Protein backbone atom coordinates (compact mmCIF):
# COMPACT_ATOMS: atom_id res chain seq x y z
CA UNK A 1 128.87 85.01 111.08
CA UNK A 2 125.18 85.81 110.63
CA UNK A 3 123.28 82.87 109.11
CA UNK A 4 121.74 85.20 106.52
CA UNK A 5 125.20 86.18 105.28
CA UNK A 6 126.24 82.54 105.13
CA UNK A 7 123.07 81.73 103.20
CA UNK A 8 123.72 84.43 100.62
CA UNK A 9 127.34 83.31 100.22
CA UNK A 10 126.36 79.67 99.82
CA UNK A 11 123.64 80.52 97.33
CA UNK A 12 125.99 82.66 95.26
CA UNK A 13 128.56 79.87 95.19
CA UNK A 14 125.97 77.33 94.11
CA UNK A 15 124.48 79.58 91.46
CA UNK A 16 127.85 79.90 89.74
CA UNK A 17 129.27 76.45 90.38
CA UNK A 18 126.39 74.01 91.00
CA UNK A 19 124.27 74.34 87.88
CA UNK A 20 123.58 70.64 87.69
CA UNK A 21 123.70 68.29 84.72
CA UNK A 22 120.57 69.76 83.09
CA UNK A 23 121.85 73.34 82.97
CA UNK A 24 124.93 74.75 81.31
CA UNK A 25 124.25 78.47 81.70
CA UNK A 26 123.45 80.84 84.57
CA UNK A 27 120.58 83.32 84.64
CA UNK A 28 121.37 86.54 86.48
CA UNK A 29 118.39 87.45 88.64
CA UNK A 30 117.33 90.91 89.67
CA UNK A 31 117.21 91.22 92.63
CA UNK A 32 119.83 88.91 94.09
CA UNK A 33 119.54 88.78 97.03
CA UNK A 34 116.07 90.28 97.55
CA UNK A 35 114.17 91.55 100.60
CA UNK A 36 110.56 92.01 101.66
CA UNK A 37 108.42 91.72 104.79
CA UNK A 38 105.19 90.49 106.34
CA UNK A 39 102.99 91.91 109.10
CA UNK A 40 99.76 89.92 108.73
CA UNK A 41 97.72 92.98 107.68
CA UNK A 42 99.31 94.82 104.75
CA UNK A 43 100.39 93.52 101.35
CA UNK A 44 104.11 93.14 100.70
CA UNK A 45 105.35 92.40 97.20
CA UNK A 46 108.71 92.36 95.44
CA UNK A 47 109.29 91.76 91.72
CA UNK A 48 112.04 89.67 90.19
CA UNK A 49 113.30 89.43 86.63
CA UNK A 50 116.27 88.33 84.56
CA UNK A 51 118.97 90.94 83.97
CA UNK A 52 119.25 92.07 80.34
CA UNK A 53 116.54 89.65 79.23
CA UNK A 54 115.48 91.85 76.32
CA UNK A 55 119.08 92.12 75.09
CA UNK A 56 119.92 88.43 75.38
CA UNK A 57 116.58 87.18 74.07
CA UNK A 58 115.60 85.28 77.22
CA UNK A 59 111.93 84.27 77.24
CA UNK A 60 109.50 81.73 78.68
CA UNK A 61 111.03 81.79 82.16
CA UNK A 62 109.67 79.36 84.74
CA UNK A 63 109.73 80.43 88.39
CA UNK A 64 109.62 78.33 91.55
CA UNK A 65 110.29 78.80 95.26
CA UNK A 66 111.80 76.46 97.84
CA UNK A 67 108.92 76.92 100.31
CA UNK A 68 105.52 77.90 98.82
CA UNK A 69 104.13 78.51 102.32
CA UNK A 70 106.26 81.69 102.56
CA UNK A 71 105.36 83.41 99.27
CA UNK A 72 103.06 83.28 96.25
CA UNK A 73 104.43 83.66 92.73
CA UNK A 74 102.56 85.39 89.90
CA UNK A 75 104.43 85.27 86.55
CA UNK A 76 104.46 88.58 84.66
CA UNK A 77 102.71 89.00 81.34
CA UNK A 78 106.05 89.48 79.55
CA UNK A 79 107.02 85.84 80.17
CA UNK A 80 110.21 86.85 81.96
CA UNK A 81 109.48 88.42 85.34
CA UNK A 82 107.49 87.39 88.39
CA UNK A 83 105.68 89.19 91.20
CA UNK A 84 106.30 87.73 94.64
CA UNK A 85 103.72 88.26 97.40
CA UNK A 86 104.69 87.31 100.94
CA UNK A 87 102.55 85.06 103.17
CA UNK A 88 104.75 84.82 106.26
CA UNK A 89 108.24 85.67 107.49
CA UNK A 90 111.13 83.43 106.52
CA UNK A 91 113.85 82.79 103.95
CA UNK A 92 113.33 81.04 100.63
CA UNK A 93 115.28 80.38 97.47
CA UNK A 94 113.66 81.75 94.34
CA UNK A 95 114.63 79.83 91.20
CA UNK A 96 114.25 80.80 87.54
CA UNK A 97 114.79 78.35 84.68
CA UNK A 98 114.55 78.47 80.92
CA UNK A 99 115.95 76.00 78.40
CA UNK A 100 119.38 75.01 79.67
CA UNK A 101 119.81 77.97 82.05
CA UNK A 102 119.07 78.41 85.74
CA UNK A 103 119.39 81.22 88.29
CA UNK A 104 118.72 81.47 92.01
CA UNK A 105 118.23 84.26 94.54
CA UNK A 106 117.79 84.27 98.29
CA UNK A 107 114.66 86.12 99.46
CA UNK A 108 114.50 87.26 103.09
CA UNK A 109 110.99 88.07 104.36
CA UNK A 110 111.31 90.01 107.62
CA UNK A 111 108.73 89.87 110.41
CA UNK A 112 107.12 93.30 110.84
CA UNK A 113 104.16 94.58 112.84
CA UNK A 114 101.17 96.73 111.82
CA UNK A 115 102.30 99.21 114.49
CA UNK A 116 105.63 99.65 112.72
CA UNK A 117 103.82 100.19 109.44
CA UNK A 118 101.59 102.86 111.04
CA UNK A 119 104.60 104.67 112.52
CA UNK A 120 106.30 104.68 109.13
CA UNK A 121 103.23 105.89 107.28
CA UNK A 122 102.78 108.74 109.78
CA UNK A 123 106.40 109.91 109.38
CA UNK A 124 106.23 109.54 105.61
CA UNK A 125 103.32 111.94 105.43
CA UNK A 126 104.09 114.28 108.32
CA UNK A 127 106.61 117.08 108.64
CA UNK A 128 107.27 120.26 106.72
CA UNK A 129 105.71 120.48 103.27
CA UNK A 130 108.32 121.72 100.83
CA UNK A 131 108.72 122.40 97.15
CA UNK A 132 109.60 119.24 95.21
CA UNK A 133 113.23 120.03 94.44
CA UNK A 134 116.51 119.53 96.32
CA UNK A 135 117.69 122.39 98.52
CA UNK A 136 121.25 123.13 99.49
CA UNK A 137 120.66 123.30 103.22
CA UNK A 138 120.22 119.68 104.18
CA UNK A 139 116.72 118.99 102.96
CA UNK A 140 114.43 119.07 99.99
CA UNK A 141 113.44 122.54 98.91
CA UNK A 142 114.76 124.15 102.08
CA UNK A 143 112.66 121.97 104.38
CA UNK A 144 115.60 120.39 106.11
CA UNK A 145 115.59 116.89 107.54
CA UNK A 146 112.12 117.39 109.01
CA UNK A 147 110.41 117.60 105.62
CA UNK A 148 107.60 115.26 104.72
CA UNK A 149 108.75 112.37 102.54
CA UNK A 150 105.55 112.85 100.55
CA UNK A 151 106.68 116.34 99.56
CA UNK A 152 109.03 114.88 96.97
CA UNK A 153 107.90 111.28 96.66
CA UNK A 154 104.24 111.91 95.97
CA UNK A 155 103.70 110.71 92.36
CA UNK A 156 102.53 114.18 91.28
CA UNK A 157 105.45 115.92 92.96
CA UNK A 158 107.85 113.40 91.48
CA UNK A 159 106.99 114.60 88.01
CA UNK A 160 108.27 118.07 88.91
CA UNK A 161 111.35 116.89 90.80
CA UNK A 162 114.34 118.94 89.64
CA UNK A 163 117.10 116.35 89.25
CA UNK A 164 119.62 115.83 86.48
CA UNK A 165 117.17 113.49 84.77
CA UNK A 166 114.05 115.46 85.65
CA UNK A 167 112.57 112.83 87.99
CA UNK A 168 112.99 111.13 91.31
CA UNK A 169 113.05 107.51 92.40
CA UNK A 170 109.63 106.49 93.69
CA UNK A 171 111.38 103.91 95.90
CA UNK A 172 108.80 101.14 95.56
CA UNK A 173 110.09 97.56 95.93
CA UNK A 174 110.64 97.56 92.16
CA UNK A 175 113.47 100.01 92.78
CA UNK A 176 114.60 99.05 96.30
CA UNK A 177 113.81 95.35 96.81
CA UNK A 178 117.50 94.48 96.55
CA UNK A 179 118.48 96.69 99.50
CA UNK A 180 118.36 95.26 103.01
CA UNK A 181 116.71 97.06 105.93
CA UNK A 182 119.94 98.67 107.11
CA UNK A 183 120.71 100.00 103.63
CA UNK A 184 117.20 101.43 103.24
CA UNK A 185 117.48 103.19 106.59
CA UNK A 186 120.87 104.67 105.69
CA UNK A 187 119.43 106.06 102.44
CA UNK A 188 116.87 108.28 104.12
CA UNK A 189 118.66 108.89 107.44
CA UNK A 190 122.23 109.44 106.23
CA UNK A 191 121.87 110.08 102.51
CA UNK A 192 124.05 107.03 101.77
CA UNK A 193 123.42 105.26 98.47
CA UNK A 194 124.22 101.51 98.59
CA UNK A 195 127.29 100.41 96.64
CA UNK A 196 125.04 98.21 94.50
CA UNK A 197 122.95 101.20 93.40
CA UNK A 198 123.66 102.02 89.75
CA UNK A 199 122.52 105.64 90.29
CA UNK A 200 120.95 106.33 86.88
CA UNK A 201 120.01 109.81 88.15
CA UNK A 202 123.73 110.64 87.98
CA UNK A 203 123.69 112.47 91.31
CA UNK A 204 127.03 112.54 93.10
CA UNK A 205 127.04 110.87 96.54
CA UNK A 206 127.92 114.19 98.19
CA UNK A 207 125.09 116.01 96.44
CA UNK A 208 122.60 113.29 97.38
CA UNK A 209 123.76 113.37 100.99
CA UNK A 210 123.35 117.15 100.97
CA UNK A 211 119.58 117.00 100.60
CA UNK A 212 118.63 113.52 101.82
CA UNK A 213 119.53 113.33 105.51
CA UNK A 214 116.15 113.06 107.19
CA UNK A 215 115.21 113.37 110.86
CA UNK A 216 113.30 110.49 112.43
CA UNK A 217 113.19 108.68 115.76
CA UNK A 218 114.34 105.06 115.85
CA UNK A 219 110.71 103.92 115.84
CA UNK A 220 109.91 106.17 112.88
CA UNK A 221 113.00 105.04 110.97
CA UNK A 222 112.19 101.37 111.49
CA UNK A 223 108.60 102.09 110.51
CA UNK A 224 109.65 103.88 107.33
CA UNK A 225 111.49 100.75 106.20
CA UNK A 226 108.35 98.71 106.81
CA UNK A 227 106.12 101.22 105.03
CA UNK A 228 108.43 101.42 102.00
CA UNK A 229 108.39 97.62 101.71
CA UNK A 230 104.58 97.76 101.47
CA UNK A 231 104.42 100.21 98.56
CA UNK A 232 102.91 98.78 95.39
CA UNK A 233 105.75 97.90 92.96
CA UNK A 234 105.78 100.39 90.10
CA UNK A 235 108.16 100.53 87.16
CA UNK A 236 110.35 103.54 86.42
CA UNK A 237 112.32 102.01 83.55
CA UNK A 238 116.07 102.29 84.07
CA UNK A 239 115.53 103.17 87.74
CA UNK A 240 114.14 99.69 88.40
CA UNK A 241 116.09 97.01 90.23
CA UNK A 242 118.52 99.33 91.98
CA UNK A 243 119.13 101.32 88.79
CA UNK A 244 120.05 98.27 86.76
CA UNK A 245 116.96 98.56 84.60
CA UNK A 246 115.48 95.14 84.06
CA UNK A 247 113.11 93.51 81.66
CA UNK A 248 111.32 96.70 80.67
CA UNK A 249 108.30 95.90 82.80
CA UNK A 250 105.34 98.22 83.08
CA UNK A 251 102.58 98.60 85.64
CA UNK A 252 100.29 96.18 83.84
CA UNK A 253 102.90 93.43 83.96
CA UNK A 254 104.43 93.89 87.39
CA UNK A 255 102.07 96.12 89.32
CA UNK A 256 99.16 95.49 91.63
CA UNK A 257 96.23 97.30 93.20
CA UNK A 258 97.10 100.57 94.95
CA UNK A 259 97.35 100.50 98.72
CA UNK A 260 95.08 102.58 100.94
CA UNK A 261 97.22 105.47 102.15
CA UNK A 262 94.69 106.56 104.81
């Protein structure tokens, strides 16, 4: 079995059964597990928070990481979440504690290259420019699988996206950091939503597949994953954390400087 799978299984078992003498309750982290990347040039960040913190009254969360050489931690202004910035590839355990409660999540930081990022950025922005609404012929607005990702996922176009909720997922790491690379690729190549996606847009899997099967070479598809990992985390409320909502974070608490898209 893949060591990553074993690591996730072991961590899950310990989180629920190895709290230790100082802790009697478990904090449920979003995301768990979580994924990001590193290429030595671009900034890669992924946020983490405590599920239903506002409902349960969780506050004053302390965050730590098993290997500080892999990531930096910047606690959010709300006292609950944290922004994680990668410094090199590797796997680390992210730990949150408050009072008598503790939670852990395994973070995998994949090794990427600037060339992959460039290939992903080019595919994201290239292709047919279409109207920002789903079409019925295999692509957004009639553009088919060759449409530019930016046609619908540009922030301005997203405001006009004709979905059941009147918006589209901006797919920054604040929405997708809990999906692994294979799951991300299947979303835009096959129109397959991960089982863990809560789908607050209320789009049926068949309808989503009908307009979200994109065309890309293997190099472009791999690059798109890398490029999406590098997007600046941005909150979309209940779309955050795979559609599970989160701590109600906003850009000022969880965001960062915008990336250069040129």
